[in-house]
PDB file of all heavy atoms in Angstrom:
ATOM      1  N   CYS A   1      67.514 116.956 109.913  1.00  0.00           N
ATOM      2  CA  CYS A   1      66.171 116.536 110.350  1.00  0.00           C
ATOM      3  C   CYS A   1      66.241 115.253 111.171  1.00  0.00           C
ATOM      4  O   CYS A   1      65.533 115.099 112.164  1.00  0.00           O
ATOM      5  CB  CYS A   1      65.260 116.342 109.152  1.00  0.00           C
ATOM      6  SG  CYS A   1      64.829 117.903 108.349  1.00  0.00           S
ATOM      7  N   ALA A   2      67.079 114.326 110.776  1.00  0.00           N
ATOM      8  CA  ALA A   2      67.207 113.070 111.517  1.00  0.00           C
ATOM      9  C   ALA A   2      67.818 113.315 112.890  1.00  0.00           C
ATOM     10  O   ALA A   2      67.478 112.641 113.857  1.00  0.00           O
ATOM     11  CB  ALA A   2      68.060 112.076 110.735  1.00  0.00           C
ATOM     12  N   GLY A   3      68.687 114.297 113.003  1.00  0.00           N
ATOM     13  CA  GLY A   3      69.292 114.618 114.287  1.00  0.00           C
ATOM     14  C   GLY A   3      68.311 115.221 115.270  1.00  0.00           C
ATOM     15  O   GLY A   3      68.511 115.156 116.479  1.00  0.00           O
ATOM     16  N   CYS A   4      67.216 115.783 114.780  1.00  0.00           N
ATOM     17  CA  CYS A   4      66.225 116.396 115.660  1.00  0.00           C
ATOM     18  C   CYS A   4      65.445 115.360 116.454  1.00  0.00           C
ATOM     19  O   CYS A   4      64.988 115.623 117.547  1.00  0.00           O
ATOM     20  CB  CYS A   4      65.242 117.244 114.842  1.00  0.00           C
ATOM     21  SG  CYS A   4      66.018 118.701 114.121  1.00  0.00           S
ATOM     22  N   SER A   5      65.241 114.211 115.889  1.00  0.00           N
ATOM     23  CA  SER A   5      64.474 113.181 116.601  1.00  0.00           C
ATOM     24  C   SER A   5      65.435 112.079 117.034  1.00  0.00           C
ATOM     25  O   SER A   5      65.697 111.144 116.306  1.00  0.00           O
ATOM     26  CB  SER A   5      63.374 112.606 115.707  1.00  0.00           C
ATOM     27  OG  SER A   5      63.953 112.019 114.567  1.00  0.00           O
ATOM     28  N   THR A   6      65.926 112.220 118.229  1.00  0.00           N
ATOM     29  CA  THR A   6      66.878 111.249 118.741  1.00  0.00           C
ATOM     30  C   THR A   6      66.154 110.048 119.312  1.00  0.00           C
ATOM     31  O   THR A   6      64.950 110.068 119.541  1.00  0.00           O
ATOM     32  CB  THR A   6      67.763 111.874 119.844  1.00  0.00           C
ATOM     33  OG1 THR A   6      66.910 112.252 120.920  1.00  0.00           O
ATOM     34  CG2 THR A   6      68.529 113.071 119.326  1.00  0.00           C
ATOM     35  N   ILE A   7      66.890 109.011 119.569  1.00  0.00           N
ATOM     36  CA  ILE A   7      66.326 107.790 120.117  1.00  0.00           C
ATOM     37  C   ILE A   7      65.713 108.034 121.492  1.00  0.00           C
ATOM     38  O   ILE A   7      64.727 107.416 121.859  1.00  0.00           O
ATOM     39  CB  ILE A   7      67.424 106.693 120.217  1.00  0.00           C
ATOM     40  CG1 ILE A   7      67.964 106.370 118.827  1.00  0.00           C
ATOM     41  CG2 ILE A   7      66.910 105.453 120.890  1.00  0.00           C
ATOM     42  CD1 ILE A   7      66.956 105.802 117.868  1.00  0.00           C
ATOM     43  N   ASP A   8      66.237 108.985 122.249  1.00  0.00           N
ATOM     44  CA  ASP A   8      65.714 109.264 123.588  1.00  0.00           C
ATOM     45  C   ASP A   8      64.272 109.766 123.556  1.00  0.00           C
ATOM     46  O   ASP A   8      63.548 109.613 124.522  1.00  0.00           O
ATOM     47  CB  ASP A   8      66.595 110.295 124.302  1.00  0.00           C
ATOM     48  CG  ASP A   8      67.980 109.755 124.589  1.00  0.00           C
ATOM     49  OD1 ASP A   8      68.122 108.524 124.663  1.00  0.00           O
ATOM     50  OD2 ASP A   8      68.903 110.565 124.727  1.00  0.00           O
ATOM     51  N   ASN A   9      63.867 110.391 122.453  1.00  0.00           N
ATOM     52  CA  ASN A   9      62.527 110.952 122.381  1.00  0.00           C
ATOM     53  C   ASN A   9      61.490 109.953 121.897  1.00  0.00           C
ATOM     54  O   ASN A   9      60.309 110.247 121.911  1.00  0.00           O
ATOM     55  CB  ASN A   9      62.519 112.167 121.444  1.00  0.00           C
ATOM     56  CG  ASN A   9      63.316 113.308 122.010  1.00  0.00           C
ATOM     57  OD1 ASN A   9      63.455 113.421 123.207  1.00  0.00           O
ATOM     58  ND2 ASN A   9      63.852 114.146 121.152  1.00  0.00           N
ATOM     59  N   LEU A  10      61.916 108.809 121.419  1.00  0.00           N
ATOM     60  CA  LEU A  10      60.991 107.831 120.867  1.00  0.00           C
ATOM     61  C   LEU A  10      60.634 106.794 121.915  1.00  0.00           C
ATOM     62  O   LEU A  10      61.431 106.452 122.778  1.00  0.00           O
ATOM     63  CB  LEU A  10      61.607 107.149 119.644  1.00  0.00           C
ATOM     64  CG  LEU A  10      61.987 108.080 118.497  1.00  0.00           C
ATOM     65  CD1 LEU A  10      62.662 107.295 117.396  1.00  0.00           C
ATOM     66  CD2 LEU A  10      60.778 108.801 117.954  1.00  0.00           C
ATOM     67  N   ARG A  11      59.417 106.269 121.821  1.00  0.00           N
ATOM     68  CA  ARG A  11      58.970 105.222 122.735  1.00  0.00           C
ATOM     69  C   ARG A  11      58.692 103.997 121.892  1.00  0.00           C
ATOM     70  O   ARG A  11      57.759 103.971 121.114  1.00  0.00           O
ATOM     71  CB  ARG A  11      57.728 105.689 123.479  1.00  0.00           C
ATOM     72  CG  ARG A  11      57.204 104.666 124.457  1.00  0.00           C
ATOM     73  CD  ARG A  11      56.168 105.248 125.366  1.00  0.00           C
ATOM     74  NE  ARG A  11      54.964 105.621 124.644  1.00  0.00           N
ATOM     75  CZ  ARG A  11      53.788 105.803 125.231  1.00  0.00           C
ATOM     76  NH1 ARG A  11      53.659 105.668 126.523  1.00  0.00           N
ATOM     77  NH2 ARG A  11      52.744 106.145 124.534  1.00  0.00           N
ATOM     78  N   GLY A  12      59.497 102.964 122.064  1.00  0.00           N
ATOM     79  CA  GLY A  12      59.352 101.750 121.282  1.00  0.00           C
ATOM     80  C   GLY A  12      58.216 100.881 121.785  1.00  0.00           C
ATOM     81  O   GLY A  12      57.520 101.196 122.751  1.00  0.00           O
ATOM     82  N   ASP A  13      58.037  99.748 121.104  1.00  0.00           N
ATOM     83  CA  ASP A  13      56.961  98.820 121.459  1.00  0.00           C
ATOM     84  C   ASP A  13      57.099  98.301 122.880  1.00  0.00           C
ATOM     85  O   ASP A  13      56.101  98.159 123.588  1.00  0.00           O
ATOM     86  CB  ASP A  13      56.941  97.643 120.488  1.00  0.00           C
ATOM     87  CG  ASP A  13      56.479  98.060 119.100  1.00  0.00           C
ATOM     88  OD1 ASP A  13      55.819  99.110 118.987  1.00  0.00           O
ATOM     89  OD2 ASP A  13      56.780  97.334 118.139  1.00  0.00           O
ATOM     90  N   ASN A  14      58.319  98.024 123.314  1.00  0.00           N
ATOM     91  CA  ASN A  14      58.511  97.512 124.680  1.00  0.00           C
ATOM     92  C   ASN A  14      58.090  98.541 125.721  1.00  0.00           C
ATOM     93  O   ASN A  14      57.402  98.211 126.688  1.00  0.00           O
ATOM     94  CB  ASN A  14      59.966  97.102 124.911  1.00  0.00           C
ATOM     95  CG  ASN A  14      60.336  95.861 124.139  1.00  0.00           C
ATOM     96  OD1 ASN A  14      59.469  95.098 123.721  1.00  0.00           O
ATOM     97  ND2 ASN A  14      61.623  95.662 123.945  1.00  0.00           N
ATOM     98  N   GLN A  15      58.497  99.794 125.533  1.00  0.00           N
ATOM     99  CA  GLN A  15      58.137 100.848 126.489  1.00  0.00           C
ATOM    100  C   GLN A  15      56.646 101.117 126.445  1.00  0.00           C
ATOM    101  O   GLN A  15      56.009 101.310 127.471  1.00  0.00           O
ATOM    102  CB  GLN A  15      58.915 102.140 126.204  1.00  0.00           C
ATOM    103  CG  GLN A  15      58.680 103.232 127.222  1.00  0.00           C
ATOM    104  CD  GLN A  15      59.188 102.883 128.607  1.00  0.00           C
ATOM    105  OE1 GLN A  15      60.312 102.442 128.755  1.00  0.00           O
ATOM    106  NE2 GLN A  15      58.364 103.065 129.622  1.00  0.00           N
ATOM    107  N   TYR A  16      56.066 101.104 125.249  1.00  0.00           N
ATOM    108  CA  TYR A  16      54.622 101.320 125.124  1.00  0.00           C
ATOM    109  C   TYR A  16      53.862 100.231 125.870  1.00  0.00           C
ATOM    110  O   TYR A  16      52.913 100.514 126.608  1.00  0.00           O
ATOM    111  CB  TYR A  16      54.217 101.333 123.646  1.00  0.00           C
ATOM    112  CG  TYR A  16      52.734 101.470 123.452  1.00  0.00           C
ATOM    113  CD1 TYR A  16      52.115 102.712 123.573  1.00  0.00           C
ATOM    114  CD2 TYR A  16      51.938 100.366 123.166  1.00  0.00           C
ATOM    115  CE1 TYR A  16      50.748 102.844 123.411  1.00  0.00           C
ATOM    116  CE2 TYR A  16      50.573 100.494 123.006  1.00  0.00           C
ATOM    117  CZ  TYR A  16      49.985 101.731 123.123  1.00  0.00           C
ATOM    118  OH  TYR A  16      48.632 101.856 122.970  1.00  0.00           O
ATOM    119  N   GLY A  17      54.285  98.978 125.707  1.00  0.00           N
ATOM    120  CA  GLY A  17      53.632  97.871 126.408  1.00  0.00           C
ATOM    121  C   GLY A  17      53.793  97.978 127.915  1.00  0.00           C
ATOM    122  O   GLY A  17      52.843  97.715 128.665  1.00  0.00           O
ATOM    123  N   ALA A  18      54.973  98.374 128.360  1.00  0.00           N
ATOM    124  CA  ALA A  18      55.208  98.537 129.797  1.00  0.00           C
ATOM    125  C   ALA A  18      54.350  99.671 130.362  1.00  0.00           C
ATOM    126  O   ALA A  18      53.792  99.544 131.456  1.00  0.00           O
ATOM    127  CB  ALA A  18      56.695  98.810 130.053  1.00  0.00           C
ATOM    128  N   ASP A  19      54.231 100.760 129.617  1.00  0.00           N
ATOM    129  CA  ASP A  19      53.391 101.878 130.071  1.00  0.00           C
ATOM    130  C   ASP A  19      51.924 101.477 130.133  1.00  0.00           C
ATOM    131  O   ASP A  19      51.210 101.821 131.066  1.00  0.00           O
ATOM    132  CB  ASP A  19      53.566 103.083 129.147  1.00  0.00           C
ATOM    133  CG  ASP A  19      54.920 103.760 129.293  1.00  0.00           C
ATOM    134  OD1 ASP A  19      55.615 103.484 130.291  1.00  0.00           O
ATOM    135  OD2 ASP A  19      55.274 104.564 128.416  1.00  0.00           O
ATOM    136  N   LYS A  20      51.471 100.712 129.143  1.00  0.00           N
ATOM    137  CA  LYS A  20      50.075 100.252 129.135  1.00  0.00           C
ATOM    138  C   LYS A  20      49.814  99.326 130.319  1.00  0.00           C
ATOM    139  O   LYS A  20      48.783  99.435 130.994  1.00  0.00           O
ATOM    140  CB  LYS A  20      49.772  99.537 127.823  1.00  0.00           C
ATOM    141  CG  LYS A  20      48.325  99.158 127.648  1.00  0.00           C
ATOM    142  CD  LYS A  20      48.087  98.593 126.264  1.00  0.00           C
ATOM    143  CE  LYS A  20      46.668  98.190 125.982  1.00  0.00           C
ATOM    144  NZ  LYS A  20      45.832  97.835 127.055  1.00  0.00           N
ATOM    145  N   HIS A  21      50.756  98.438 130.602  1.00  0.00           N
ATOM    146  CA  HIS A  21      50.619  97.524 131.744  1.00  0.00           C
ATOM    147  C   HIS A  21      50.581  98.307 133.060  1.00  0.00           C
ATOM    148  O   HIS A  21      49.775  98.013 133.949  1.00  0.00           O
ATOM    149  CB  HIS A  21      51.769  96.518 131.740  1.00  0.00           C
ATOM    150  CG  HIS A  21      51.734  95.550 132.875  1.00  0.00           C
ATOM    151  ND1 HIS A  21      50.785  94.564 132.978  1.00  0.00           N
ATOM    152  CD2 HIS A  21      52.511  95.438 133.972  1.00  0.00           C
ATOM    153  CE1 HIS A  21      50.974  93.877 134.091  1.00  0.00           C
ATOM    154  NE2 HIS A  21      52.030  94.392 134.707  1.00  0.00           N
ATOM    155  N   MET A  22      51.446  99.314 133.184  1.00  0.00           N
ATOM    156  CA  MET A  22      51.465 100.112 134.402  1.00  0.00           C
ATOM    157  C   MET A  22      50.155 100.884 134.560  1.00  0.00           C
ATOM    158  O   MET A  22      49.629 101.000 135.674  1.00  0.00           O
ATOM    159  CB  MET A  22      52.651 101.072 134.417  1.00  0.00           C
ATOM    160  CG  MET A  22      52.751 101.877 135.699  1.00  0.00           C
ATOM    161  SD  MET A  22      54.220 102.899 135.768  1.00  0.00           S
ATOM    162  CE  MET A  22      55.447 101.646 136.110  1.00  0.00           C
ATOM    163  N   ALA A  23      49.604 101.398 133.463  1.00  0.00           N
ATOM    164  CA  ALA A  23      48.330 102.112 133.533  1.00  0.00           C
ATOM    165  C   ALA A  23      47.230 101.168 134.026  1.00  0.00           C
ATOM    166  O   ALA A  23      46.387 101.558 134.846  1.00  0.00           O
ATOM    167  CB  ALA A  23      47.968 102.695 132.166  1.00  0.00           C
ATOM    168  N   ASP A  24      47.247  99.924 133.558  1.00  0.00           N
ATOM    169  CA  ASP A  24      46.267  98.938 134.030  1.00  0.00           C
ATOM    170  C   ASP A  24      46.435  98.671 135.527  1.00  0.00           C
ATOM    171  O   ASP A  24      45.446  98.548 136.260  1.00  0.00           O
ATOM    172  CB  ASP A  24      46.403  97.624 133.252  1.00  0.00           C
ATOM    173  CG  ASP A  24      45.961  97.759 131.803  1.00  0.00           C
ATOM    174  OD1 ASP A  24      45.218  98.711 131.481  1.00  0.00           O
ATOM    175  OD2 ASP A  24      46.381  96.903 130.983  1.00  0.00           O
ATOM    176  N   GLN A  25      47.680  98.584 135.987  1.00  0.00           N
ATOM    177  CA  GLN A  25      47.945  98.367 137.415  1.00  0.00           C
ATOM    178  C   GLN A  25      47.441  99.541 138.253  1.00  0.00           C
ATOM    179  O   GLN A  25      46.884  99.342 139.334  1.00  0.00           O
ATOM    180  CB  GLN A  25      49.438  98.159 137.657  1.00  0.00           C
ATOM    181  CG  GLN A  25      49.963  96.831 137.176  1.00  0.00           C
ATOM    182  CD  GLN A  25      51.445  96.698 137.448  1.00  0.00           C
ATOM    183  OE1 GLN A  25      52.221  97.641 137.236  1.00  0.00           O
ATOM    184  NE2 GLN A  25      51.845  95.537 137.932  1.00  0.00           N
ATOM    185  N   VAL A  26      47.642 100.759 137.759  1.00  0.00           N
ATOM    186  CA  VAL A  26      47.178 101.942 138.490  1.00  0.00           C
ATOM    187  C   VAL A  26      45.651 101.945 138.544  1.00  0.00           C
ATOM    188  O   VAL A  26      45.066 102.191 139.604  1.00  0.00           O
ATOM    189  CB  VAL A  26      47.720 103.245 137.856  1.00  0.00           C
ATOM    190  CG1 VAL A  26      47.059 104.465 138.462  1.00  0.00           C
ATOM    191  CG2 VAL A  26      49.233 103.324 138.017  1.00  0.00           C
ATOM    192  N   ARG A  27      44.994 101.635 137.424  1.00  0.00           N
ATOM    193  CA  ARG A  27      43.522 101.577 137.422  1.00  0.00           C
ATOM    194  C   ARG A  27      43.019 100.538 138.418  1.00  0.00           C
ATOM    195  O   ARG A  27      42.045 100.776 139.139  1.00  0.00           O
ATOM    196  CB  ARG A  27      43.015 101.249 136.018  1.00  0.00           C
ATOM    197  CG  ARG A  27      43.033 102.423 135.087  1.00  0.00           C
ATOM    198  CD  ARG A  27      42.372 102.100 133.746  1.00  0.00           C
ATOM    199  NE  ARG A  27      42.920 102.959 132.728  1.00  0.00           N
ATOM    200  CZ  ARG A  27      43.900 102.625 131.889  1.00  0.00           C
ATOM    201  NH1 ARG A  27      44.415 101.415 131.906  1.00  0.00           N
ATOM    202  NH2 ARG A  27      44.346 103.505 131.014  1.00  0.00           N
ATOM    203  N   ASP A  28      43.677  99.373 138.461  1.00  0.00           N
ATOM    204  CA  ASP A  28      43.285  98.333 139.417  1.00  0.00           C
ATOM    205  C   ASP A  28      43.462  98.805 140.858  1.00  0.00           C
ATOM    206  O   ASP A  28      42.614  98.551 141.716  1.00  0.00           O
ATOM    207  CB  ASP A  28      44.092  97.053 139.184  1.00  0.00           C
ATOM    208  CG  ASP A  28      43.724  96.345 137.892  1.00  0.00           C
ATOM    209  OD1 ASP A  28      42.630  96.642 137.335  1.00  0.00           O
ATOM    210  OD2 ASP A  28      44.519  95.503 137.437  1.00  0.00           O
ATOM    211  N   ALA A  29      44.577  99.492 141.131  1.00  0.00           N
ATOM    212  CA  ALA A  29      44.824 100.001 142.485  1.00  0.00           C
ATOM    213  C   ALA A  29      43.763 101.027 142.874  1.00  0.00           C
ATOM    214  O   ALA A  29      43.295 101.044 144.021  1.00  0.00           O
ATOM    215  CB  ALA A  29      46.223 100.620 142.571  1.00  0.00           C
ATOM    216  N   LEU A  30      43.354 101.861 141.928  1.00  0.00           N
ATOM    217  CA  LEU A  30      42.324 102.857 142.208  1.00  0.00           C
ATOM    218  C   LEU A  30      40.977 102.193 142.490  1.00  0.00           C
ATOM    219  O   LEU A  30      40.246 102.613 143.379  1.00  0.00           O
ATOM    220  CB  LEU A  30      42.187 103.836 141.040  1.00  0.00           C
ATOM    221  CG  LEU A  30      43.363 104.798 140.810  1.00  0.00           C
ATOM    222  CD1 LEU A  30      43.145 105.586 139.533  1.00  0.00           C
ATOM    223  CD2 LEU A  30      43.564 105.706 141.988  1.00  0.00           C
ATOM    224  N   LYS A  31      40.655 101.157 141.745  1.00  0.00           N
ATOM    225  CA  LYS A  31      39.361 100.482 141.924  1.00  0.00           C
ATOM    226  C   LYS A  31      39.271  99.764 143.266  1.00  0.00           C
ATOM    227  O   LYS A  31      38.176  99.586 143.798  1.00  0.00           O
ATOM    228  CB  LYS A  31      39.126  99.497 140.789  1.00  0.00           C
ATOM    229  CG  LYS A  31      38.802 100.189 139.491  1.00  0.00           C
ATOM    230  CD  LYS A  31      38.632  99.195 138.367  1.00  0.00           C
ATOM    231  CE  LYS A  31      38.420  99.944 137.055  1.00  0.00           C
ATOM    232  NZ  LYS A  31      38.361  99.027 135.908  1.00  0.00           N
ATOM    233  N   LYS A  32      40.404  99.357 143.824  1.00  0.00           N
ATOM    234  CA  LYS A  32      40.415  98.659 145.113  1.00  0.00           C
ATOM    235  C   LYS A  32      40.242  99.611 146.296  1.00  0.00           C
ATOM    236  O   LYS A  32      39.908  99.188 147.385  1.00  0.00           O
ATOM    237  CB  LYS A  32      41.715  97.871 145.270  1.00  0.00           C
ATOM    238  CG  LYS A  32      41.794  96.678 144.353  1.00  0.00           C
ATOM    239  CD  LYS A  32      43.122  95.963 144.505  1.00  0.00           C
ATOM    240  CE  LYS A  32      43.243  94.840 143.492  1.00  0.00           C
ATOM    241  NZ  LYS A  32      44.562  94.199 143.544  1.00  0.00           N
ATOM    242  N   ASP A  33      40.487 100.893 146.082  1.00  0.00           N
ATOM    243  CA  ASP A  33      40.388 101.872 147.162  1.00  0.00           C
ATOM    244  C   ASP A  33      38.914 102.127 147.484  1.00  0.00           C
ATOM    245  O   ASP A  33      38.114 102.385 146.586  1.00  0.00           O
ATOM    246  CB  ASP A  33      41.059 103.181 146.738  1.00  0.00           C
ATOM    247  CG  ASP A  33      41.242 104.130 147.901  1.00  0.00           C
ATOM    248  OD1 ASP A  33      40.250 104.395 148.609  1.00  0.00           O
ATOM    249  OD2 ASP A  33      42.360 104.603 148.100  1.00  0.00           O
ATOM    250  N   PRO A  34      38.538 102.085 148.764  1.00  0.00           N
ATOM    251  CA  PRO A  34      37.140 102.308 149.117  1.00  0.00           C
ATOM    252  C   PRO A  34      36.650 103.730 148.804  1.00  0.00           C
ATOM    253  O   PRO A  34      35.463 103.946 148.621  1.00  0.00           O
ATOM    254  CB  PRO A  34      37.090 102.033 150.622  1.00  0.00           C
ATOM    255  CG  PRO A  34      38.488 102.066 151.093  1.00  0.00           C
ATOM    256  CD  PRO A  34      39.364 101.766 149.924  1.00  0.00           C
ATOM    257  N   LEU A  35      37.557 104.698 148.713  1.00  0.00           N
ATOM    258  CA  LEU A  35      37.161 106.064 148.371  1.00  0.00           C
ATOM    259  C   LEU A  35      36.967 106.255 146.869  1.00  0.00           C
ATOM    260  O   LEU A  35      36.400 107.246 146.440  1.00  0.00           O
ATOM    261  CB  LEU A  35      38.211 107.067 148.864  1.00  0.00           C
ATOM    262  CG  LEU A  35      38.216 107.358 150.349  1.00  0.00           C
ATOM    263  CD1 LEU A  35      39.362 108.303 150.691  1.00  0.00           C
ATOM    264  CD2 LEU A  35      36.901 107.960 150.784  1.00  0.00           C
ATOM    265  N   TYR A  36      37.442 105.313 146.089  1.00  0.00           N
ATOM    266  CA  TYR A  36      37.395 105.453 144.632  1.00  0.00           C
ATOM    267  C   TYR A  36      36.028 105.018 144.121  1.00  0.00           C
ATOM    268  O   TYR A  36      35.813 103.882 143.757  1.00  0.00           O
ATOM    269  CB  TYR A  36      38.510 104.626 143.984  1.00  0.00           C
ATOM    270  CG  TYR A  36      38.606 104.805 142.493  1.00  0.00           C
ATOM    271  CD1 TYR A  36      39.224 105.926 141.959  1.00  0.00           C
ATOM    272  CD2 TYR A  36      38.070 103.875 141.626  1.00  0.00           C
ATOM    273  CE1 TYR A  36      39.322 106.100 140.592  1.00  0.00           C
ATOM    274  CE2 TYR A  36      38.168 104.046 140.250  1.00  0.00           C
ATOM    275  CZ  TYR A  36      38.796 105.157 139.753  1.00  0.00           C
ATOM    276  OH  TYR A  36      38.890 105.333 138.403  1.00  0.00           O
ATOM    277  N   LYS A  37      35.095 105.913 144.106  1.00  0.00           N
ATOM    278  CA  LYS A  37      33.744 105.625 143.626  1.00  0.00           C
ATOM    279  C   LYS A  37      33.359 106.642 142.560  1.00  0.00           C
ATOM    280  O   LYS A  37      32.307 107.259 142.619  1.00  0.00           O
ATOM    281  CB  LYS A  37      32.740 105.671 144.784  1.00  0.00           C
ATOM    282  CG  LYS A  37      33.047 104.724 145.897  1.00  0.00           C
ATOM    283  CD  LYS A  37      32.943 103.284 145.437  1.00  0.00           C
ATOM    284  CE  LYS A  37      33.250 102.352 146.588  1.00  0.00           C
ATOM    285  NZ  LYS A  37      33.757 101.091 146.184  1.00  0.00           N
ATOM    286  N   PHE A  38      34.232 106.847 141.602  1.00  0.00           N
ATOM    287  CA  PHE A  38      33.984 107.844 140.576  1.00  0.00           C
ATOM    288  C   PHE A  38      34.566 107.352 139.257  1.00  0.00           C
ATOM    289  O   PHE A  38      35.694 106.896 139.199  1.00  0.00           O
ATOM    290  CB  PHE A  38      34.592 109.190 140.965  1.00  0.00           C
ATOM    291  CG  PHE A  38      35.965 109.075 141.565  1.00  0.00           C
ATOM    292  CD1 PHE A  38      37.092 109.155 140.789  1.00  0.00           C
ATOM    293  CD2 PHE A  38      36.118 108.882 142.938  1.00  0.00           C
ATOM    294  CE1 PHE A  38      38.350 109.044 141.346  1.00  0.00           C
ATOM    295  CE2 PHE A  38      37.378 108.771 143.497  1.00  0.00           C
ATOM    296  CZ  PHE A  38      38.496 108.849 142.700  1.00  0.00           C
ATOM    297  N   PRO A  39      33.775 107.429 138.185  1.00  0.00           N
ATOM    298  CA  PRO A  39      34.233 106.891 136.901  1.00  0.00           C
ATOM    299  C   PRO A  39      34.951 107.898 136.003  1.00  0.00           C
ATOM    300  O   PRO A  39      35.439 107.521 134.953  1.00  0.00           O
ATOM    301  CB  PRO A  39      32.913 106.470 136.247  1.00  0.00           C
ATOM    302  CG  PRO A  39      31.929 107.458 136.769  1.00  0.00           C
ATOM    303  CD  PRO A  39      32.367 107.761 138.183  1.00  0.00           C
ATOM    304  N   ASP A  40      35.018 109.149 136.399  1.00  0.00           N
ATOM    305  CA  ASP A  40      35.517 110.188 135.506  1.00  0.00           C
ATOM    306  C   ASP A  40      37.002 110.482 135.660  1.00  0.00           C
ATOM    307  O   ASP A  40      37.426 111.634 135.552  1.00  0.00           O
ATOM    308  CB  ASP A  40      34.719 111.479 135.711  1.00  0.00           C
ATOM    309  CG  ASP A  40      33.255 111.313 135.357  1.00  0.00           C
ATOM    310  OD1 ASP A  40      32.966 110.525 134.434  1.00  0.00           O
ATOM    311  OD2 ASP A  40      32.417 111.948 136.006  1.00  0.00           O
ATOM    312  N   VAL A  41      37.801 109.449 135.912  1.00  0.00           N
ATOM    313  CA  VAL A  41      39.242 109.628 136.039  1.00  0.00           C
ATOM    314  C   VAL A  41      39.928 108.801 134.957  1.00  0.00           C
ATOM    315  O   VAL A  41      39.624 107.622 134.784  1.00  0.00           O
ATOM    316  CB  VAL A  41      39.747 109.200 137.432  1.00  0.00           C
ATOM    317  CG1 VAL A  41      41.264 109.214 137.489  1.00  0.00           C
ATOM    318  CG2 VAL A  41      39.180 110.116 138.495  1.00  0.00           C
ATOM    319  N   THR A  42      40.823 109.440 134.225  1.00  0.00           N
ATOM    320  CA  THR A  42      41.607 108.719 133.230  1.00  0.00           C
ATOM    321  C   THR A  42      43.048 108.605 133.727  1.00  0.00           C
ATOM    322  O   THR A  42      43.545 109.484 134.433  1.00  0.00           O
ATOM    323  CB  THR A  42      41.597 109.431 131.865  1.00  0.00           C
ATOM    324  OG1 THR A  42      42.120 110.742 132.022  1.00  0.00           O
ATOM    325  CG2 THR A  42      40.205 109.496 131.285  1.00  0.00           C
ATOM    326  N   VAL A  43      43.680 107.502 133.363  1.00  0.00           N
ATOM    327  CA  VAL A  43      45.065 107.234 133.754  1.00  0.00           C
ATOM    328  C   VAL A  43      45.892 107.116 132.489  1.00  0.00           C
ATOM    329  O   VAL A  43      45.589 106.307 131.613  1.00  0.00           O
ATOM    330  CB  VAL A  43      45.163 105.927 134.569  1.00  0.00           C
ATOM    331  CG1 VAL A  43      46.616 105.622 134.912  1.00  0.00           C
ATOM    332  CG2 VAL A  43      44.313 106.008 135.822  1.00  0.00           C
ATOM    333  N   ASN A  44      46.919 107.931 132.381  1.00  0.00           N
ATOM    334  CA  ASN A  44      47.869 107.856 131.280  1.00  0.00           C
ATOM    335  C   ASN A  44      49.256 107.657 131.874  1.00  0.00           C
ATOM    336  O   ASN A  44      49.579 108.239 132.907  1.00  0.00           O
ATOM    337  CB  ASN A  44      47.846 109.131 130.434  1.00  0.00           C
ATOM    338  CG  ASN A  44      46.530 109.308 129.716  1.00  0.00           C
ATOM    339  OD1 ASN A  44      46.075 108.407 129.026  1.00  0.00           O
ATOM    340  ND2 ASN A  44      45.902 110.459 129.902  1.00  0.00           N
ATOM    341  N   VAL A  45      50.067 106.846 131.196  1.00  0.00           N
ATOM    342  CA  VAL A  45      51.432 106.602 131.660  1.00  0.00           C
ATOM    343  C   VAL A  45      52.378 106.812 130.487  1.00  0.00           C
ATOM    344  O   VAL A  45      52.132 106.336 129.373  1.00  0.00           O
ATOM    345  CB  VAL A  45      51.593 105.170 132.217  1.00  0.00           C
ATOM    346  CG1 VAL A  45      53.034 104.910 132.634  1.00  0.00           C
ATOM    347  CG2 VAL A  45      50.656 104.942 133.390  1.00  0.00           C
TER     348      VAL A  45
END
């Protein structure tokens, strides 16, 4: 059972924080675009 979940499949706190930061950057980039006038878009990283 332990062999089934390798370290490669897990996302640690550092990666989670980096993904959250990147999602914030993408949202900011979208908000700066003049064509981006729609609230129904979600960003996941």
